[in-house]
C-alpha atoms as a PDB file:
ATOM      1  CA  UNK A   1      74.909 116.432 113.230  1.00  0.00           C
ATOM      2  CA  UNK A   2      76.456 112.868 112.820  1.00  0.00           C
ATOM      3  CA  UNK A   3      80.248 112.134 113.868  1.00  0.00           C
ATOM      4  CA  UNK A   4      81.391 111.737 110.429  1.00  0.00           C
ATOM      5  CA  UNK A   5      79.836 115.141 109.279  1.00  0.00           C
ATOM      6  CA  UNK A   6      81.194 116.764 112.273  1.00  0.00           C
ATOM      7  CA  UNK A   7      85.005 115.120 111.433  1.00  0.00           C
ATOM      8  CA  UNK A   8      84.796 115.998 107.699  1.00  0.00           C
ATOM      9  CA  UNK A   9      83.633 119.670 108.429  1.00  0.00           C
ATOM     10  CA  UNK A  10      86.610 120.082 111.146  1.00  0.00           C
ATOM     11  CA  UNK A  11      89.037 118.994 108.386  1.00  0.00           C
ATOM     12  CA  UNK A  12      87.444 121.060 105.922  1.00  0.00           C
ATOM     13  CA  UNK A  13      87.859 124.250 107.999  1.00  0.00           C
ATOM     14  CA  UNK A  14      91.239 123.429 108.822  1.00  0.00           C
ATOM     15  CA  UNK A  15      91.841 123.853 105.106  1.00  0.00           C
ATOM     16  CA  UNK A  16      90.236 127.338 104.996  1.00  0.00           C
ATOM     17  CA  UNK A  17      92.082 128.265 107.988  1.00  0.00           C
ATOM     18  CA  UNK A  18      95.309 127.089 106.954  1.00  0.00           C
ATOM     19  CA  UNK A  19      98.321 129.463 106.754  1.00  0.00           C
ATOM     20  CA  UNK A  20      99.757 129.916 103.263  1.00  0.00           C
ATOM     21  CA  UNK A  21     102.742 127.655 104.386  1.00  0.00           C
ATOM     22  CA  UNK A  22     100.968 124.716 103.017  1.00  0.00           C
ATOM     23  CA  UNK A  23     101.916 122.144 105.871  1.00  0.00           C
ATOM     24  CA  UNK A  24      98.366 120.748 105.984  1.00  0.00           C
ATOM     25  CA  UNK A  25      98.065 120.305 102.184  1.00  0.00           C
ATOM     26  CA  UNK A  26     101.491 118.209 102.563  1.00  0.00           C
ATOM     27  CA  UNK A  27      99.884 115.804 105.442  1.00  0.00           C
ATOM     28  CA  UNK A  28      96.169 115.969 104.540  1.00  0.00           C
ATOM     29  CA  UNK A  29      95.979 116.254 100.619  1.00  0.00           C
ATOM     30  CA  UNK A  30      95.942 112.641  99.171  1.00  0.00           C
ATOM     31  CA  UNK A  31      99.202 112.362  96.773  1.00  0.00           C
ATOM     32  CA  UNK A  32      96.669 111.382  94.077  1.00  0.00           C
ATOM     33  CA  UNK A  33      94.543 114.075  94.707  1.00  0.00           C
ATOM     34  CA  UNK A  34      93.256 116.822  92.421  1.00  0.00           C
ATOM     35  CA  UNK A  35      91.642 120.235  92.658  1.00  0.00           C
ATOM     36  CA  UNK A  36      89.135 121.634  90.076  1.00  0.00           C
ATOM     37  CA  UNK A  37      89.286 125.334  90.570  1.00  0.00           C
ATOM     38  CA  UNK A  38      87.564 128.294  88.718  1.00  0.00           C
ATOM     39  CA  UNK A  39      90.673 129.552  87.154  1.00  0.00           C
ATOM     40  CA  UNK A  40      92.727 129.265  84.155  1.00  0.00           C
ATOM     41  CA  UNK A  41      94.969 126.569  85.514  1.00  0.00           C
ATOM     42  CA  UNK A  42      91.970 124.722  86.574  1.00  0.00           C
ATOM     43  CA  UNK A  43      92.850 121.032  87.430  1.00  0.00           C
ATOM     44  CA  UNK A  44      95.681 121.183  89.802  1.00  0.00           C
ATOM     45  CA  UNK A  45      97.463 118.199  91.277  1.00  0.00           C
ATOM     46  CA  UNK A  46      99.226 118.132  94.752  1.00  0.00           C
ATOM     47  CA  UNK A  47     102.147 119.934  93.790  1.00  0.00           C
ATOM     48  CA  UNK A  48     100.536 122.569  92.082  1.00  0.00           C
ATOM     49  CA  UNK A  49      98.139 123.126  94.854  1.00  0.00           C
ATOM     50  CA  UNK A  50     100.710 123.472  97.323  1.00  0.00           C
ATOM     51  CA  UNK A  51     102.715 125.840  94.924  1.00  0.00           C
ATOM     52  CA  UNK A  52      99.475 127.976  94.825  1.00  0.00           C
ATOM     53  CA  UNK A  53      98.513 127.896  98.562  1.00  0.00           C
ATOM     54  CA  UNK A  54     102.328 129.239  99.023  1.00  0.00           C
ATOM     55  CA  UNK A  55     101.673 132.261  96.703  1.00  0.00           C
ATOM     56  CA  UNK A  56      98.146 133.176  98.152  1.00  0.00           C
ATOM     57  CA  UNK A  57      96.992 135.094 100.842  1.00  0.00           C
ATOM     58  CA  UNK A  58      95.352 133.353 103.613  1.00  0.00           C
ATOM     59  CA  UNK A  59      91.124 133.687 103.973  1.00  0.00           C
ATOM     60  CA  UNK A  60      90.465 136.037 106.439  1.00  0.00           C
ATOM     61  CA  UNK A  61      86.790 135.402 106.707  1.00  0.00           C
ATOM     62  CA  UNK A  62      85.070 131.931 105.691  1.00  0.00           C
ATOM     63  CA  UNK A  63      81.889 130.716 106.586  1.00  0.00           C
ATOM     64  CA  UNK A  64      80.303 126.968 105.335  1.00  0.00           C
ATOM     65  CA  UNK A  65      76.651 126.636 105.060  1.00  0.00           C
ATOM     66  CA  UNK A  66      74.044 124.221 103.743  1.00  0.00           C
ATOM     67  CA  UNK A  67      76.411 121.122 104.408  1.00  0.00           C
ATOM     68  CA  UNK A  68      75.596 117.643 103.608  1.00  0.00           C
ATOM     69  CA  UNK A  69      77.622 114.188 103.508  1.00  0.00           C
ATOM     70  CA  UNK A  70      77.163 111.788 100.964  1.00  0.00           C
ATOM     71  CA  UNK A  71      78.922 108.441 101.849  1.00  0.00           C
ATOM     72  CA  UNK A  72      80.075 107.004  98.334  1.00  0.00           C
ATOM     73  CA  UNK A  73      81.912 103.623 100.092  1.00  0.00           C
ATOM     74  CA  UNK A  74      82.791 102.897 103.747  1.00  0.00           C
ATOM     75  CA  UNK A  75      86.203 104.550 102.971  1.00  0.00           C
ATOM     76  CA  UNK A  76      85.183 107.335 100.517  1.00  0.00           C
ATOM     77  CA  UNK A  77      82.759 110.240 101.598  1.00  0.00           C
ATOM     78  CA  UNK A  78      81.796 113.563  99.937  1.00  0.00           C
ATOM     79  CA  UNK A  79      81.270 116.672 101.729  1.00  0.00           C
ATOM     80  CA  UNK A  80      79.049 119.338  99.917  1.00  0.00           C
ATOM     81  CA  UNK A  81      78.454 122.745 101.040  1.00  0.00           C
ATOM     82  CA  UNK A  82      78.064 126.486 100.280  1.00  0.00           C
ATOM     83  CA  UNK A  83      81.108 128.516 101.102  1.00  0.00           C
ATOM     84  CA  UNK A  84      81.358 132.431 101.622  1.00  0.00           C
ATOM     85  CA  UNK A  85      84.717 133.445 102.004  1.00  0.00           C
ATOM     86  CA  UNK A  86      87.123 136.689 101.914  1.00  0.00           C
ATOM     87  CA  UNK A  87      90.751 137.565 101.724  1.00  0.00           C
ATOM     88  CA  UNK A  88      91.963 140.904 102.800  1.00  0.00           C
ATOM     89  CA  UNK A  89      91.080 143.305  99.998  1.00  0.00           C
ATOM     90  CA  UNK A  90      89.023 141.330  97.993  1.00  0.00           C
ATOM     91  CA  UNK A  91      85.632 140.948  97.297  1.00  0.00           C
ATOM     92  CA  UNK A  92      83.196 138.279  98.908  1.00  0.00           C
ATOM     93  CA  UNK A  93      83.786 134.802  97.500  1.00  0.00           C
ATOM     94  CA  UNK A  94      80.699 132.456  97.173  1.00  0.00           C
ATOM     95  CA  UNK A  95      80.862 128.854  95.844  1.00  0.00           C
ATOM     96  CA  UNK A  96      79.096 125.429  95.786  1.00  0.00           C
ATOM     97  CA  UNK A  97      82.059 122.919  96.743  1.00  0.00           C
ATOM     98  CA  UNK A  98      82.350 119.463  96.869  1.00  0.00           C
ATOM     99  CA  UNK A  99      85.339 117.753  98.695  1.00  0.00           C
ATOM    100  CA  UNK A 100      86.003 114.056  98.666  1.00  0.00           C
ATOM    101  CA  UNK A 101      87.715 112.294 101.607  1.00  0.00           C
ATOM    102  CA  UNK A 102      89.289 108.866 101.627  1.00  0.00           C
ATOM    103  CA  UNK A 103      89.912 107.181 104.824  1.00  0.00           C
ATOM    104  CA  UNK A 104      93.507 106.105 104.870  1.00  0.00           C
ATOM    105  CA  UNK A 105      95.272 104.470 107.727  1.00  0.00           C
ATOM    106  CA  UNK A 106      92.409 105.486 110.218  1.00  0.00           C
ATOM    107  CA  UNK A 107      92.506 109.142 109.057  1.00  0.00           C
ATOM    108  CA  UNK A 108      90.659 111.096 106.323  1.00  0.00           C
ATOM    109  CA  UNK A 109      92.632 112.886 103.407  1.00  0.00           C
ATOM    110  CA  UNK A 110      91.273 115.049 100.625  1.00  0.00           C
ATOM    111  CA  UNK A 111      91.055 113.154  97.486  1.00  0.00           C
ATOM    112  CA  UNK A 112      89.177 115.652  95.277  1.00  0.00           C
ATOM    113  CA  UNK A 113      88.170 119.364  96.014  1.00  0.00           C
ATOM    114  CA  UNK A 114      86.099 121.137  93.373  1.00  0.00           C
ATOM    115  CA  UNK A 115      84.592 124.970  93.519  1.00  0.00           C
ATOM    116  CA  UNK A 116      81.998 126.092  91.328  1.00  0.00           C
ATOM    117  CA  UNK A 117      81.384 129.903  92.092  1.00  0.00           C
ATOM    118  CA  UNK A 118      78.070 131.388  92.615  1.00  0.00           C
ATOM    119  CA  UNK A 119      77.759 134.514  90.420  1.00  0.00           C
ATOM    120  CA  UNK A 120      74.356 135.223  91.343  1.00  0.00           C
END
């Protein structure tokens, strides 16, 4: 596994493990970033993401598999993978995920996060 992939997976795992206080999202989610989620509200800006995280339960189990990295530019990279995750009292959630990161001031911040549920 190359260094860039390791770096991005480490950040992505931090998001999955993050407590619902949303402090990680304050720091590591770009101010112009968006999340595209399979829910009625669908496309969320940073403020909406933070509100949603604070109102949700943390993931208790999660696994990222079939990870790939696609370098878009020197400072913009996509991380693509399958997630299997679960919250207490809920069914297993499976989705294909794409997160796009942009390098700012020497560190990677999430610019876009998109989830496509796997229903089969």
